[in-house]
Amino acid sequence: MKKACTVPPDCCVIIEMEQGAKLGYRKAVLLNEIQALGSLTKAAKVSRIDRKHARELITEMNNTFSQPLVNFLGNSNNSDQVELTWKGAIVVKSYWQKFEPVWYSIIEERSRHY
């Protein structure tokens, strides 16, 4: 008989932050690491995202939201120094506030099945 898994599988929680602008778990983690480290390379590494893909995600977020979430210090095509904008700090904080009750709900629902 196969024993049930007690660790819930990974899932992605995507939250609409503005009309048409959504933020998911991996992007939120990347934004957190940018805020903490100020380096795209370091933030991507800690977030387990390829550096090139992390740059693409930042560009996508900056183009999707009403205001940019991340500033590149220097040339945006090759700068490694990054910082969250005021808008970026607000959005990532709001994401985690909205994420927490959703995540607890998911865990609670999964626990009913184990």
N, C-alpha and C. Protein backbone atom coordinates (compact mmCIF):
# COMPACT_ATOMS: atom_id res chain seq x y z
N MET A 1 0.84 -1.18 0.00
CA MET A 1 0.00 0.00 0.00
C MET A 1 0.89 1.25 0.00
N LYS A 2 0.57 2.19 -0.85
CA LYS A 2 1.35 3.42 -0.97
C LYS A 2 0.96 4.41 0.13
N LYS A 3 1.95 4.97 0.79
CA LYS A 3 1.71 5.94 1.85
C LYS A 3 1.45 7.32 1.25
N ALA A 4 0.49 8.05 1.80
CA ALA A 4 0.16 9.39 1.30
C ALA A 4 1.30 10.36 1.59
N CYS A 5 1.51 11.28 0.68
CA CYS A 5 2.54 12.31 0.83
C CYS A 5 2.06 13.34 1.85
N THR A 6 2.91 13.66 2.82
CA THR A 6 2.52 14.62 3.84
C THR A 6 2.98 16.04 3.52
N VAL A 7 3.80 16.17 2.49
CA VAL A 7 4.28 17.49 2.09
C VAL A 7 3.47 17.94 0.87
N PRO A 8 2.77 19.07 0.97
CA PRO A 8 1.98 19.51 -0.18
C PRO A 8 2.87 19.84 -1.36
N PRO A 9 2.44 19.54 -2.57
CA PRO A 9 3.24 19.87 -3.75
C PRO A 9 3.33 21.38 -3.94
N ASP A 10 4.34 21.80 -4.70
CA ASP A 10 4.48 23.22 -5.00
C ASP A 10 3.26 23.70 -5.77
N CYS A 11 2.92 24.93 -5.56
CA CYS A 11 1.84 25.52 -6.35
C CYS A 11 2.18 26.98 -6.57
N CYS A 12 1.48 27.57 -7.48
CA CYS A 12 1.73 28.96 -7.81
C CYS A 12 0.50 29.78 -7.46
N VAL A 13 0.68 30.82 -6.69
CA VAL A 13 -0.41 31.71 -6.35
C VAL A 13 -0.19 33.00 -7.12
N ILE A 14 -1.09 33.26 -8.07
CA ILE A 14 -1.02 34.46 -8.89
C ILE A 14 -2.16 35.38 -8.48
N ILE A 15 -1.81 36.62 -8.18
CA ILE A 15 -2.80 37.58 -7.69
C ILE A 15 -2.82 38.78 -8.62
N GLU A 16 -4.02 39.20 -9.01
CA GLU A 16 -4.15 40.42 -9.82
C GLU A 16 -3.94 41.61 -8.89
N MET A 17 -2.89 42.38 -9.15
CA MET A 17 -2.53 43.50 -8.30
C MET A 17 -3.13 44.81 -8.79
N GLU A 18 -3.25 44.93 -10.08
CA GLU A 18 -3.90 46.06 -10.73
C GLU A 18 -4.70 45.44 -11.88
N GLN A 19 -5.60 46.20 -12.44
CA GLN A 19 -6.35 45.66 -13.56
C GLN A 19 -5.39 45.25 -14.67
N GLY A 20 -5.37 43.96 -14.97
CA GLY A 20 -4.51 43.44 -16.02
C GLY A 20 -3.07 43.17 -15.60
N ALA A 21 -2.69 43.53 -14.41
CA ALA A 21 -1.32 43.32 -13.94
C ALA A 21 -1.33 42.30 -12.80
N LYS A 22 -0.70 41.16 -13.05
CA LYS A 22 -0.70 40.07 -12.08
C LYS A 22 0.72 39.81 -11.59
N LEU A 23 0.78 39.29 -10.39
CA LEU A 23 2.07 38.95 -9.80
C LEU A 23 1.96 37.56 -9.23
N GLY A 24 2.94 36.72 -9.54
CA GLY A 24 2.99 35.36 -9.02
C GLY A 24 4.09 35.21 -8.00
N TYR A 25 4.11 34.05 -7.38
CA TYR A 25 5.03 33.77 -6.30
C TYR A 25 6.49 33.99 -6.70
N ARG A 26 6.91 33.43 -7.83
CA ARG A 26 8.33 33.55 -8.23
C ARG A 26 8.73 35.00 -8.49
N LYS A 27 7.86 35.78 -9.11
CA LYS A 27 8.17 37.19 -9.35
C LYS A 27 8.24 37.95 -8.02
N ALA A 28 7.34 37.61 -7.10
CA ALA A 28 7.36 38.27 -5.79
C ALA A 28 8.64 37.95 -5.03
N VAL A 29 9.09 36.70 -5.11
CA VAL A 29 10.35 36.32 -4.48
C VAL A 29 11.51 37.09 -5.12
N LEU A 30 11.51 37.18 -6.44
CA LEU A 30 12.55 37.94 -7.15
C LEU A 30 12.56 39.39 -6.69
N LEU A 31 11.40 40.01 -6.58
CA LEU A 31 11.32 41.40 -6.12
C LEU A 31 11.85 41.54 -4.70
N ASN A 32 11.52 40.58 -3.83
CA ASN A 32 12.06 40.60 -2.46
C ASN A 32 13.58 40.57 -2.46
N GLU A 33 14.14 39.71 -3.27
CA GLU A 33 15.59 39.57 -3.31
C GLU A 33 16.26 40.79 -3.92
N ILE A 34 15.62 41.40 -4.89
CA ILE A 34 16.14 42.66 -5.45
C ILE A 34 16.17 43.71 -4.36
N GLN A 35 15.10 43.78 -3.59
CA GLN A 35 15.03 44.76 -2.50
C GLN A 35 16.13 44.51 -1.47
N ALA A 36 16.39 43.25 -1.17
CA ALA A 36 17.37 42.91 -0.14
C ALA A 36 18.81 43.02 -0.62
N LEU A 37 19.05 42.66 -1.90
CA LEU A 37 20.43 42.52 -2.37
C LEU A 37 20.91 43.62 -3.31
N GLY A 38 19.99 44.24 -4.07
CA GLY A 38 20.38 45.31 -4.99
C GLY A 38 21.17 44.85 -6.20
N SER A 39 21.21 43.54 -6.43
CA SER A 39 21.96 42.98 -7.55
C SER A 39 21.07 41.99 -8.29
N LEU A 40 20.95 42.18 -9.60
CA LEU A 40 20.14 41.27 -10.40
C LEU A 40 20.71 39.86 -10.37
N THR A 41 22.02 39.73 -10.50
CA THR A 41 22.67 38.42 -10.50
C THR A 41 22.43 37.68 -9.18
N LYS A 42 22.64 38.37 -8.07
CA LYS A 42 22.44 37.74 -6.76
C LYS A 42 20.98 37.41 -6.51
N ALA A 43 20.09 38.34 -6.86
CA ALA A 43 18.66 38.12 -6.66
C ALA A 43 18.17 36.94 -7.49
N ALA A 44 18.63 36.84 -8.72
CA ALA A 44 18.25 35.72 -9.59
C ALA A 44 18.76 34.40 -9.02
N LYS A 45 19.99 34.40 -8.55
CA LYS A 45 20.58 33.18 -8.01
C LYS A 45 19.82 32.69 -6.78
N VAL A 46 19.54 33.60 -5.85
CA VAL A 46 18.81 33.23 -4.63
C VAL A 46 17.38 32.78 -4.98
N SER A 47 16.79 33.41 -5.99
CA SER A 47 15.43 33.08 -6.42
C SER A 47 15.37 31.84 -7.30
N ARG A 48 16.54 31.32 -7.66
CA ARG A 48 16.66 30.14 -8.53
C ARG A 48 16.02 30.39 -9.90
N ILE A 49 16.34 31.56 -10.43
CA ILE A 49 15.88 31.96 -11.76
C ILE A 49 17.12 32.32 -12.57
N ASP A 50 17.17 31.87 -13.81
CA ASP A 50 18.26 32.24 -14.69
C ASP A 50 18.34 33.77 -14.80
N ARG A 51 19.56 34.31 -14.78
CA ARG A 51 19.75 35.77 -14.80
C ARG A 51 19.05 36.42 -15.99
N LYS A 52 19.20 35.83 -17.16
CA LYS A 52 18.57 36.38 -18.36
C LYS A 52 17.05 36.37 -18.23
N HIS A 53 16.52 35.28 -17.70
CA HIS A 53 15.07 35.18 -17.51
C HIS A 53 14.60 36.19 -16.46
N ALA A 54 15.39 36.38 -15.41
CA ALA A 54 15.04 37.37 -14.38
C ALA A 54 14.94 38.77 -14.99
N ARG A 55 15.87 39.10 -15.86
CA ARG A 55 15.84 40.41 -16.54
C ARG A 55 14.57 40.52 -17.39
N GLU A 56 14.21 39.44 -18.08
CA GLU A 56 12.98 39.43 -18.88
C GLU A 56 11.74 39.61 -18.01
N LEU A 57 11.72 38.95 -16.85
CA LEU A 57 10.59 39.10 -15.93
C LEU A 57 10.45 40.53 -15.44
N ILE A 58 11.58 41.15 -15.12
CA ILE A 58 11.57 42.54 -14.67
C ILE A 58 11.02 43.45 -15.77
N THR A 59 11.50 43.26 -16.98
CA THR A 59 11.02 44.06 -18.11
C THR A 59 9.52 43.88 -18.29
N GLU A 60 9.08 42.63 -18.21
CA GLU A 60 7.65 42.34 -18.33
C GLU A 60 6.84 43.04 -17.24
N MET A 61 7.30 42.94 -16.00
CA MET A 61 6.58 43.59 -14.89
C MET A 61 6.57 45.10 -15.08
N ASN A 62 7.71 45.67 -15.45
CA ASN A 62 7.79 47.12 -15.64
C ASN A 62 6.84 47.59 -16.73
N ASN A 63 6.63 46.77 -17.75
CA ASN A 63 5.75 47.15 -18.85
C ASN A 63 4.28 46.88 -18.54
N THR A 64 3.99 45.96 -17.63
CA THR A 64 2.62 45.56 -17.33
C THR A 64 1.96 46.46 -16.28
N PHE A 65 2.72 46.84 -15.27
CA PHE A 65 2.15 47.66 -14.20
C PHE A 65 2.08 49.13 -14.63
N SER A 66 1.25 49.89 -13.93
CA SER A 66 1.04 51.29 -14.29
C SER A 66 2.32 52.12 -14.15
N GLN A 67 3.22 51.69 -13.28
CA GLN A 67 4.52 52.33 -13.10
C GLN A 67 5.56 51.21 -12.95
N PRO A 68 6.81 51.47 -13.32
CA PRO A 68 7.85 50.44 -13.19
C PRO A 68 8.01 49.98 -11.74
N LEU A 69 8.32 48.70 -11.55
CA LEU A 69 8.54 48.15 -10.22
C LEU A 69 10.02 48.10 -9.86
N VAL A 70 10.88 48.08 -10.89
CA VAL A 70 12.32 47.96 -10.67
C VAL A 70 13.05 48.98 -11.53
N ASN A 71 14.02 49.64 -10.93
CA ASN A 71 14.92 50.54 -11.66
C ASN A 71 16.26 49.86 -11.85
N PHE A 72 16.80 49.97 -13.06
CA PHE A 72 18.17 49.55 -13.31
C PHE A 72 19.05 50.77 -13.09
N LEU A 73 20.09 50.62 -12.32
CA LEU A 73 21.01 51.73 -12.08
C LEU A 73 22.08 51.67 -13.15
N GLY A 74 22.00 52.57 -14.09
CA GLY A 74 22.89 52.53 -15.26
C GLY A 74 22.11 52.06 -16.47
N ASN A 75 22.81 51.50 -17.43
CA ASN A 75 22.21 51.01 -18.66
C ASN A 75 21.33 49.79 -18.36
N SER A 76 20.04 49.87 -18.67
CA SER A 76 19.13 48.77 -18.33
C SER A 76 19.43 47.49 -19.10
N ASN A 77 20.16 47.57 -20.19
CA ASN A 77 20.48 46.37 -20.97
C ASN A 77 21.57 45.52 -20.35
N ASN A 78 22.45 46.13 -19.56
CA ASN A 78 23.54 45.32 -19.00
C ASN A 78 23.87 45.63 -17.54
N SER A 79 23.09 46.48 -16.90
CA SER A 79 23.36 46.81 -15.52
C SER A 79 22.98 45.66 -14.59
N ASP A 80 23.81 45.42 -13.60
CA ASP A 80 23.51 44.40 -12.60
C ASP A 80 22.89 45.04 -11.35
N GLN A 81 23.11 46.34 -11.19
CA GLN A 81 22.58 47.02 -10.01
C GLN A 81 21.12 47.40 -10.26
N VAL A 82 20.26 46.95 -9.34
CA VAL A 82 18.83 47.20 -9.46
C VAL A 82 18.27 47.61 -8.10
N GLU A 83 17.14 48.29 -8.15
CA GLU A 83 16.45 48.65 -6.92
C GLU A 83 14.96 48.67 -7.18
N LEU A 84 14.19 48.37 -6.13
CA LEU A 84 12.75 48.49 -6.27
C LEU A 84 12.37 49.96 -6.28
N THR A 85 11.40 50.28 -7.09
CA THR A 85 10.84 51.62 -7.06
C THR A 85 9.87 51.69 -5.88
N TRP A 86 9.37 52.87 -5.62
CA TRP A 86 8.33 53.02 -4.60
C TRP A 86 7.15 52.12 -4.93
N LYS A 87 6.75 52.11 -6.19
CA LYS A 87 5.64 51.27 -6.64
C LYS A 87 5.97 49.79 -6.44
N GLY A 88 7.19 49.38 -6.75
CA GLY A 88 7.60 48.00 -6.57
C GLY A 88 7.51 47.55 -5.12
N ALA A 89 7.94 48.41 -4.21
CA ALA A 89 7.88 48.09 -2.78
C ALA A 89 6.44 47.93 -2.32
N ILE A 90 5.55 48.81 -2.80
CA ILE A 90 4.13 48.73 -2.44
C ILE A 90 3.52 47.45 -2.99
N VAL A 91 3.81 47.14 -4.25
CA VAL A 91 3.22 45.96 -4.91
C VAL A 91 3.68 44.68 -4.23
N VAL A 92 4.96 44.53 -3.96
CA VAL A 92 5.45 43.28 -3.37
C VAL A 92 4.92 43.13 -1.94
N LYS A 93 4.83 44.20 -1.19
CA LYS A 93 4.27 44.13 0.17
C LYS A 93 2.80 43.72 0.10
N SER A 94 2.08 44.30 -0.81
CA SER A 94 0.66 43.97 -0.99
C SER A 94 0.48 42.52 -1.41
N TYR A 95 1.36 42.03 -2.29
CA TYR A 95 1.28 40.63 -2.72
C TYR A 95 1.36 39.70 -1.52
N TRP A 96 2.36 39.91 -0.66
CA TRP A 96 2.54 39.00 0.48
C TRP A 96 1.37 39.10 1.45
N GLN A 97 0.79 40.28 1.59
CA GLN A 97 -0.38 40.42 2.46
C GLN A 97 -1.58 39.65 1.90
N LYS A 98 -1.72 39.66 0.58
CA LYS A 98 -2.81 38.93 -0.07
C LYS A 98 -2.50 37.44 -0.17
N PHE A 99 -1.23 37.10 -0.28
CA PHE A 99 -0.79 35.71 -0.44
C PHE A 99 -1.06 34.88 0.81
N GLU A 100 -0.80 35.45 1.97
CA GLU A 100 -0.86 34.68 3.21
C GLU A 100 -2.21 33.99 3.43
N PRO A 101 -3.34 34.68 3.36
CA PRO A 101 -4.60 33.96 3.59
C PRO A 101 -4.91 32.92 2.51
N VAL A 102 -4.51 33.21 1.29
CA VAL A 102 -4.72 32.24 0.20
C VAL A 102 -3.90 30.99 0.48
N TRP A 103 -2.63 31.17 0.86
CA TRP A 103 -1.75 30.04 1.12
C TRP A 103 -2.29 29.19 2.28
N TYR A 104 -2.73 29.84 3.36
CA TYR A 104 -3.29 29.09 4.49
C TYR A 104 -4.53 28.31 4.06
N SER A 105 -5.33 28.89 3.20
CA SER A 105 -6.51 28.20 2.69
C SER A 105 -6.12 26.97 1.88
N ILE A 106 -5.09 27.10 1.06
CA ILE A 106 -4.61 25.96 0.26
C ILE A 106 -4.09 24.85 1.18
N ILE A 107 -3.30 25.22 2.17
CA ILE A 107 -2.75 24.23 3.10
C ILE A 107 -3.88 23.54 3.86
N GLU A 108 -4.84 24.31 4.31
CA GLU A 108 -5.98 23.74 5.03
C GLU A 108 -6.74 22.75 4.15
N GLU A 109 -7.00 23.14 2.92
CA GLU A 109 -7.72 22.26 1.99
C GLU A 109 -6.92 20.99 1.72
N ARG A 110 -5.64 21.10 1.52
CA ARG A 110 -4.80 19.93 1.26
C ARG A 110 -4.74 19.00 2.47
N SER A 111 -4.72 19.58 3.67
CA SER A 111 -4.63 18.75 4.87
C SER A 111 -5.86 17.87 5.04
N ARG A 112 -6.97 18.28 4.47
CA ARG A 112 -8.19 17.46 4.54
C ARG A 112 -8.05 16.18 3.71
N HIS A 113 -7.12 16.19 2.75
CA HIS A 113 -6.97 15.07 1.84
C HIS A 113 -5.83 14.13 2.22
N TYR A 114 -5.11 14.43 3.30
CA TYR A 114 -3.98 13.59 3.69
C TYR A 114 -4.24 12.87 4.97
